[in-house]
Amino acid sequence: VVDERSRVVAAGKDLLELQRTLAPKVRESVAKASVRRRDPLERVGLTTWDFDELPRFVDTEQGGRGTGMPRSVIRGYPTLAPEKEGVAIRVVGTQDEQERTLPDGVRALLLNGVPSPVGYVQQHLTGAEKLALAASPYASTKALFEDCLAAVVDAVLFDATPGGLVFTRAEFEAIRDRVSAEVMDALFDTVSLVARILTEQRAADKAISGTSSMALLGALSDAKTQLAGLIFPGFVSRTGLAQLRNLPRYLQALTWRIQRLPDNPGRDRVWMTEVQTATARFTDAGGVIPLPPHAKPSLVHARWMLEELRVSLFAQQLGTAETVSLQRIQKVLNG
């Protein structure tokens, strides 16, 4: 790899490793080229999609005649980035970075472009739902509802276009109109589901706190870790609506396990060892719980297979969403 003056900046036989090592320099080069180019494409403070198209890439020429440097072309990838004051159009160094960041910017513009139904939904909750939602791990009920709304918008966005990638005004407006038509009912359904999840969480918490035998501490610690990986501030949008529907079953399985733990702790240890082995393989592959935003699809799939594995072992009567085993999880991790 050479720079604009043909000086070698790195060498190696592994292209992916070189790309990872030089990613910061690539971003810096693209940023500098964008500043010199003064491309009007880069903007800040957007509150709506007021341009025709976001280019999939832009090329900036450097060097050449009269500069004393060889001619080179730097390719940048425009994206939308949420900021405190609206959304910015930025140029990033790789297509991967563009694909990771663009959906967040599109979501921010969609949220700004559709009247929020949060106030109406809040006024029409049942007493039980209000009670359940008030005990969430979020900093406030407002933060919880905003996260539910973000999850609703994401569900429409990712259903409408692969990867949530939107590049034209026509695409954006079509998705915005669909969000506007669906958001009220979808938010009611999502908030109701979250209230049920939080009710199941309380039942699981109660089961854990009600079991105090020193001989069961290993299993109880494992259950607490599982619970923390399922319910946390931001869990609604981070989990996504499709997977969120499975959380009540995971929590029911957790409660069932703890309630029956004293009956056969030895059997529980055997099953827990299998789960821990699968979790270690997931971690070795780069997975963490909770999943970070924009995790690889294979890690996302494997993460939820770990929960299905727990159900298959500790609460078989609840059933699983797919056939799961240690070997199947490894196969998913291997790609």
Protein backbone atom coordinates (compact mmCIF):
# COMPACT_ATOMS: atom_id res chain seq x y z
CA VAL A 1 0.00 0.00 0.00
CA VAL A 2 1.45 3.38 -1.04
CA ASP A 3 0.48 6.95 -0.25
CA GLU A 4 -0.01 9.89 -2.62
CA ARG A 5 3.78 10.31 -2.88
CA SER A 6 4.26 6.62 -3.77
CA ARG A 7 5.80 5.88 -0.37
CA VAL A 8 5.09 2.44 1.06
CA VAL A 9 2.93 2.81 4.19
CA ALA A 10 2.23 -0.89 4.76
CA ALA A 11 2.91 -4.28 3.23
CA GLY A 12 1.60 -7.76 3.78
CA LYS A 13 -0.02 -10.82 2.25
CA ASP A 14 -3.37 -10.48 4.04
CA LEU A 15 -5.53 -7.85 2.33
CA LEU A 16 -8.22 -7.84 5.04
CA GLU A 17 -5.63 -7.31 7.77
CA LEU A 18 -4.09 -4.43 5.82
CA GLN A 19 -7.53 -2.87 5.42
CA ARG A 20 -8.22 -3.14 9.16
CA THR A 21 -4.81 -1.72 10.07
CA LEU A 22 -5.07 1.22 7.67
CA ALA A 23 -8.77 2.01 8.20
CA PRO A 24 -8.02 5.09 10.38
CA LYS A 25 -5.62 6.48 7.75
CA VAL A 26 -8.18 5.83 5.02
CA ARG A 27 -10.85 7.77 6.93
CA GLU A 28 -8.38 10.61 7.52
CA SER A 29 -7.42 10.73 3.83
CA VAL A 30 -11.04 10.80 2.72
CA ALA A 31 -11.84 13.55 5.22
CA LYS A 32 -8.89 15.66 4.08
CA ALA A 33 -9.76 15.15 0.42
CA SER A 34 -13.37 16.14 1.10
CA VAL A 35 -12.26 19.34 2.82
CA ARG A 36 -9.95 20.30 -0.04
CA ARG A 37 -12.62 19.46 -2.57
CA ARG A 38 -15.25 21.49 -0.70
CA ASP A 39 -17.95 19.24 -2.08
CA PRO A 40 -21.38 20.82 -1.45
CA LEU A 41 -22.64 17.30 -0.84
CA GLU A 42 -21.49 17.46 2.81
CA ARG A 43 -24.03 19.28 4.93
CA VAL A 44 -25.24 19.51 8.51
CA GLY A 45 -28.54 20.23 10.21
CA LEU A 46 -30.81 18.25 7.88
CA THR A 47 -34.32 17.68 9.21
CA THR A 48 -35.80 16.16 6.05
CA TRP A 49 -34.68 14.52 2.82
CA ASP A 50 -34.49 17.67 0.68
CA PHE A 51 -32.13 16.42 -2.04
CA ASP A 52 -32.72 14.12 -5.01
CA GLU A 53 -30.14 11.43 -4.42
CA LEU A 54 -27.32 10.45 -2.09
CA PRO A 55 -24.51 9.17 -4.34
CA ARG A 56 -23.35 5.68 -3.57
CA PHE A 57 -19.74 6.92 -3.86
CA VAL A 58 -17.76 10.03 -4.77
CA ASP A 59 -14.28 10.11 -6.28
CA THR A 60 -11.78 12.85 -5.40
CA GLU A 61 -8.68 13.32 -7.53
CA GLN A 62 -5.39 14.17 -5.88
CA GLY A 63 -1.96 15.02 -7.30
CA GLY A 64 -1.39 15.12 -11.02
CA ARG A 65 -0.02 17.87 -13.22
CA GLY A 66 1.70 20.73 -11.41
CA THR A 67 1.51 19.20 -7.93
CA GLY A 68 4.75 17.23 -7.90
CA MET A 69 2.78 14.13 -6.88
CA PRO A 70 1.40 11.19 -8.88
CA ARG A 71 -2.28 11.43 -9.82
CA SER A 72 -4.48 9.35 -7.54
CA VAL A 73 -8.19 9.00 -6.88
CA ILE A 74 -9.70 8.63 -3.41
CA ARG A 75 -13.14 7.05 -3.33
CA GLY A 76 -15.44 8.10 -0.52
CA TYR A 77 -18.87 6.84 0.46
CA PRO A 78 -21.59 9.36 1.43
CA THR A 79 -23.72 8.51 4.44
CA LEU A 80 -26.22 10.14 6.79
CA ALA A 81 -25.16 10.64 10.40
CA PRO A 82 -27.52 11.63 13.24
CA GLU A 83 -26.22 14.56 15.28
CA LYS A 84 -27.54 16.71 18.11
CA GLU A 85 -28.81 19.27 15.62
CA GLY A 86 -30.43 17.22 12.86
CA VAL A 87 -28.69 14.87 10.44
CA ALA A 88 -25.43 15.42 8.57
CA ILE A 89 -24.27 14.16 5.19
CA ARG A 90 -20.73 12.85 5.69
CA VAL A 91 -18.27 11.06 3.43
CA VAL A 92 -16.71 7.96 4.99
CA GLY A 93 -13.80 5.85 3.90
CA THR A 94 -15.36 2.45 3.19
CA GLN A 95 -18.56 0.97 1.86
CA ASP A 96 -18.85 -1.13 5.03
CA GLU A 97 -18.86 2.02 7.16
CA GLN A 98 -21.47 3.56 4.86
CA GLU A 99 -23.71 0.51 5.23
CA ARG A 100 -23.33 0.53 9.03
CA THR A 101 -24.12 4.21 9.51
CA LEU A 102 -26.63 5.09 6.77
CA PRO A 103 -29.69 3.34 8.33
CA ASP A 104 -29.26 5.38 11.53
CA GLY A 105 -29.40 8.62 9.58
CA VAL A 106 -32.39 7.50 7.53
CA ARG A 107 -34.20 6.47 10.72
CA ALA A 108 -33.55 9.91 12.24
CA LEU A 109 -35.06 11.64 9.19
CA LEU A 110 -38.05 9.29 9.24
CA LEU A 111 -38.69 9.99 12.93
CA ASN A 112 -38.51 13.70 12.21
CA GLY A 113 -40.82 13.42 9.20
CA VAL A 114 -43.70 11.51 10.80
CA PRO A 115 -45.96 12.91 13.56
CA SER A 116 -45.24 11.01 16.76
CA PRO A 117 -48.14 8.93 18.14
CA VAL A 118 -46.39 8.49 21.51
CA GLY A 119 -48.66 10.88 23.43
CA TYR A 120 -51.84 9.26 22.13
CA VAL A 121 -50.58 5.74 22.86
CA GLN A 122 -49.55 6.70 26.39
CA GLN A 123 -53.03 8.05 27.11
CA HIS A 124 -54.71 4.81 26.04
CA LEU A 125 -52.67 2.25 27.97
CA THR A 126 -54.29 -0.04 30.49
CA GLY A 127 -53.44 0.34 34.17
CA ALA A 128 -51.49 -2.93 34.12
CA GLU A 129 -49.45 -1.81 31.11
CA LYS A 130 -48.61 1.53 32.75
CA LEU A 131 -47.48 -0.29 35.87
CA ALA A 132 -45.28 -2.70 33.91
CA LEU A 133 -43.70 0.03 31.79
CA ALA A 134 -42.96 2.20 34.81
CA ALA A 135 -40.59 -0.50 36.09
CA SER A 136 -38.45 -0.64 32.96
CA PRO A 137 -34.65 -0.27 33.06
CA TYR A 138 -34.86 2.88 30.93
CA ALA A 139 -34.03 6.26 32.46
CA SER A 140 -37.62 7.40 31.92
CA THR A 141 -40.88 6.29 30.37
CA LYS A 142 -40.24 8.88 27.65
CA ALA A 143 -36.95 7.16 26.75
CA LEU A 144 -38.72 3.79 26.63
CA PHE A 145 -41.41 5.06 24.27
CA GLU A 146 -38.84 6.72 22.03
CA ASP A 147 -36.98 3.43 21.78
CA CYS A 148 -40.21 1.58 20.96
CA LEU A 149 -40.93 4.12 18.21
CA ALA A 150 -37.40 3.70 16.82
CA ALA A 151 -37.93 -0.07 16.70
CA VAL A 152 -41.21 0.40 14.81
CA VAL A 153 -39.51 2.66 12.24
CA ASP A 154 -36.60 0.23 11.87
CA ALA A 155 -38.99 -2.65 11.20
CA VAL A 156 -40.55 -0.78 8.27
CA LEU A 157 -37.21 0.53 6.99
CA PHE A 158 -35.44 -2.83 6.94
CA ASP A 159 -38.48 -4.55 5.47
CA ALA A 160 -38.69 -1.99 2.67
CA THR A 161 -35.06 -2.03 1.58
CA PRO A 162 -32.15 -4.46 2.08
CA GLY A 163 -29.95 -3.37 4.96
CA GLY A 164 -31.98 -0.21 5.53
CA LEU A 165 -29.99 1.51 2.77
CA VAL A 166 -31.84 4.39 1.12
CA PHE A 167 -30.24 6.57 -1.56
CA THR A 168 -33.04 8.43 -3.34
CA ARG A 169 -35.76 10.86 -2.36
CA ALA A 170 -38.40 8.62 -3.97
CA GLU A 171 -37.31 5.64 -1.83
CA PHE A 172 -37.28 7.74 1.31
CA GLU A 173 -40.72 9.25 0.70
CA ALA A 174 -42.26 5.84 -0.04
CA ILE A 175 -40.90 4.47 3.25
CA ARG A 176 -41.97 7.61 5.13
CA ASP A 177 -45.53 7.24 3.82
CA ARG A 178 -45.58 3.60 4.86
CA VAL A 179 -44.29 4.46 8.35
CA SER A 180 -46.95 7.15 8.65
CA ALA A 181 -49.69 4.66 7.74
CA GLU A 182 -48.51 1.89 10.08
CA VAL A 183 -46.89 3.64 13.03
CA MET A 184 -49.94 4.07 15.27
CA ASP A 185 -51.06 0.42 15.31
CA ALA A 186 -47.48 -0.84 15.34
CA LEU A 187 -46.56 1.31 18.33
CA PHE A 188 -49.62 0.12 20.27
CA ASP A 189 -48.65 -3.50 19.56
CA THR A 190 -45.01 -2.91 20.45
CA VAL A 191 -45.73 -1.14 23.73
CA SER A 192 -48.18 -3.89 24.70
CA LEU A 193 -45.54 -6.53 23.92
CA VAL A 194 -42.91 -4.65 25.93
CA ALA A 195 -45.29 -4.44 28.89
CA ARG A 196 -45.70 -8.22 28.72
CA ILE A 197 -41.92 -8.67 28.50
CA LEU A 198 -41.35 -6.50 31.55
CA THR A 199 -44.03 -8.45 33.45
CA GLU A 200 -42.22 -11.69 32.63
CA GLN A 201 -38.96 -10.06 33.68
CA ARG A 202 -40.41 -9.28 37.11
CA ALA A 203 -41.55 -12.89 37.48
CA ALA A 204 -38.05 -14.10 36.60
CA ASP A 205 -36.49 -11.63 39.03
CA LYS A 206 -38.85 -12.81 41.77
CA ALA A 207 -37.97 -16.45 41.11
CA ILE A 208 -34.24 -15.69 41.30
CA SER A 209 -34.46 -13.60 44.47
CA GLY A 210 -36.67 -16.23 46.10
CA THR A 211 -34.02 -18.93 45.74
CA SER A 212 -31.14 -18.56 48.18
CA SER A 213 -29.47 -21.96 48.60
CA MET A 214 -25.66 -21.68 48.45
CA ALA A 215 -25.59 -24.88 46.39
CA LEU A 216 -27.52 -23.14 43.62
CA LEU A 217 -25.46 -19.95 43.37
CA GLY A 218 -23.83 -20.98 40.08
CA ALA A 219 -27.17 -21.44 38.35
CA LEU A 220 -28.60 -18.26 39.89
CA SER A 221 -25.60 -16.24 38.74
CA ASP A 222 -26.01 -17.67 35.23
CA ALA A 223 -29.71 -16.74 35.26
CA LYS A 224 -28.95 -13.17 36.35
CA THR A 225 -26.42 -12.83 33.54
CA GLN A 226 -28.95 -14.14 31.04
CA LEU A 227 -31.57 -11.68 32.30
CA ALA A 228 -29.16 -8.74 32.04
CA GLY A 229 -28.43 -9.70 28.43
CA LEU A 230 -32.12 -9.67 27.54
CA ILE A 231 -33.46 -6.59 29.36
CA PHE A 232 -31.37 -3.41 29.48
CA PRO A 233 -31.74 0.26 28.51
CA GLY A 234 -32.24 0.29 24.74
CA PHE A 235 -33.19 -3.39 24.48
CA VAL A 236 -36.32 -2.76 22.37
CA SER A 237 -34.64 -1.26 19.32
CA ARG A 238 -31.42 -3.25 19.79
CA THR A 239 -33.40 -6.49 19.81
CA GLY A 240 -35.71 -5.51 16.95
CA LEU A 241 -39.42 -6.24 16.63
CA ALA A 242 -39.05 -9.62 14.93
CA GLN A 243 -36.88 -11.04 17.72
CA LEU A 244 -38.64 -9.11 20.48
CA ARG A 245 -41.65 -11.40 20.10
CA ASN A 246 -39.54 -14.29 21.42
CA LEU A 247 -38.49 -12.59 24.65
CA PRO A 248 -41.58 -13.59 26.68
CA ARG A 249 -40.82 -17.24 25.91
CA TYR A 250 -37.16 -16.85 26.88
CA LEU A 251 -38.16 -15.23 30.17
CA GLN A 252 -40.78 -17.88 30.87
CA ALA A 253 -38.13 -20.54 30.28
CA LEU A 254 -35.82 -18.77 32.73
CA THR A 255 -38.51 -18.67 35.41
CA TRP A 256 -39.41 -22.33 34.83
CA ARG A 257 -35.74 -23.31 35.19
CA ILE A 258 -35.30 -21.48 38.52
CA GLN A 259 -38.55 -22.82 39.96
CA ARG A 260 -37.47 -26.40 39.27
CA LEU A 261 -33.79 -25.92 40.03
CA PRO A 262 -33.92 -27.40 43.57
CA ASP A 263 -35.47 -30.62 42.22
CA ASN A 264 -32.35 -31.68 40.29
CA PRO A 265 -29.40 -29.26 40.54
CA GLY A 266 -27.02 -31.83 39.06
CA ARG A 267 -29.01 -32.04 35.84
CA ASP A 268 -29.12 -28.25 35.70
CA ARG A 269 -25.30 -28.11 35.98
CA VAL A 270 -24.93 -30.46 33.02
CA TRP A 271 -27.22 -28.34 30.89
CA MET A 272 -25.59 -25.11 32.05
CA THR A 273 -22.19 -26.47 31.01
CA GLU A 274 -23.54 -27.06 27.50
CA VAL A 275 -24.85 -23.49 27.34
CA GLN A 276 -21.56 -22.12 28.63
CA THR A 277 -19.63 -24.08 26.01
CA ALA A 278 -21.84 -22.66 23.25
CA THR A 279 -21.49 -19.16 24.72
CA ALA A 280 -17.71 -19.48 24.83
CA ARG A 281 -17.65 -20.39 21.14
CA PHE A 282 -19.88 -17.40 20.40
CA THR A 283 -17.50 -15.14 22.35
CA ASP A 284 -14.43 -16.61 20.63
CA ALA A 285 -16.04 -15.74 17.29
CA GLY A 286 -16.29 -12.09 18.35
CA GLY A 287 -19.78 -12.08 19.85
CA VAL A 288 -20.82 -10.12 22.93
CA ILE A 289 -24.09 -9.96 24.86
CA PRO A 290 -25.93 -7.66 24.54
CA LEU A 291 -25.19 -7.48 20.84
CA PRO A 292 -23.69 -4.16 19.70
CA PRO A 293 -25.44 -2.23 16.92
CA HIS A 294 -24.62 -3.44 13.42
CA ALA A 295 -23.30 -6.85 14.52
CA LYS A 296 -22.59 -9.39 11.79
CA PRO A 297 -25.64 -11.43 10.74
CA SER A 298 -23.94 -14.69 11.74
CA LEU A 299 -23.33 -13.37 15.25
CA VAL A 300 -26.89 -12.08 15.52
CA HIS A 301 -28.25 -15.49 14.50
CA ALA A 302 -25.94 -17.35 16.87
CA ARG A 303 -26.74 -15.01 19.77
CA TRP A 304 -30.44 -15.85 19.59
CA MET A 305 -29.68 -19.53 19.03
CA LEU A 306 -28.08 -19.44 22.49
CA GLU A 307 -31.46 -18.45 23.93
CA GLU A 308 -33.20 -21.16 21.94
CA LEU A 309 -30.66 -23.65 23.28
CA ARG A 310 -31.59 -22.64 26.83
CA VAL A 311 -35.26 -23.17 26.07
CA SER A 312 -34.57 -26.59 24.53
CA LEU A 313 -32.68 -27.68 27.65
CA PHE A 314 -34.44 -26.02 30.59
CA ALA A 315 -38.03 -25.65 29.33
CA GLN A 316 -38.58 -28.03 26.44
CA GLN A 317 -42.36 -27.79 26.74
CA LEU A 318 -42.24 -24.15 25.51
CA GLY A 319 -40.78 -25.20 22.15
CA THR A 320 -38.08 -23.52 20.07
CA ALA A 321 -38.20 -21.28 17.00
CA GLU A 322 -35.70 -23.53 15.22
CA THR A 323 -33.84 -26.77 15.72
CA VAL A 324 -30.83 -25.92 17.85
CA SER A 325 -27.74 -27.66 19.21
CA LEU A 326 -24.12 -26.89 19.99
CA GLN A 327 -23.13 -28.19 16.56
CA ARG A 328 -25.68 -26.03 14.74
CA ILE A 329 -24.53 -22.93 16.60
CA GLN A 330 -20.92 -23.68 15.62
CA LYS A 331 -21.98 -24.10 12.01
CA VAL A 332 -23.66 -20.68 12.02
CA LEU A 333 -20.57 -19.12 13.58
CA ASN A 334 -18.39 -20.70 10.89
CA GLY A 335 -20.55 -19.01 8.26
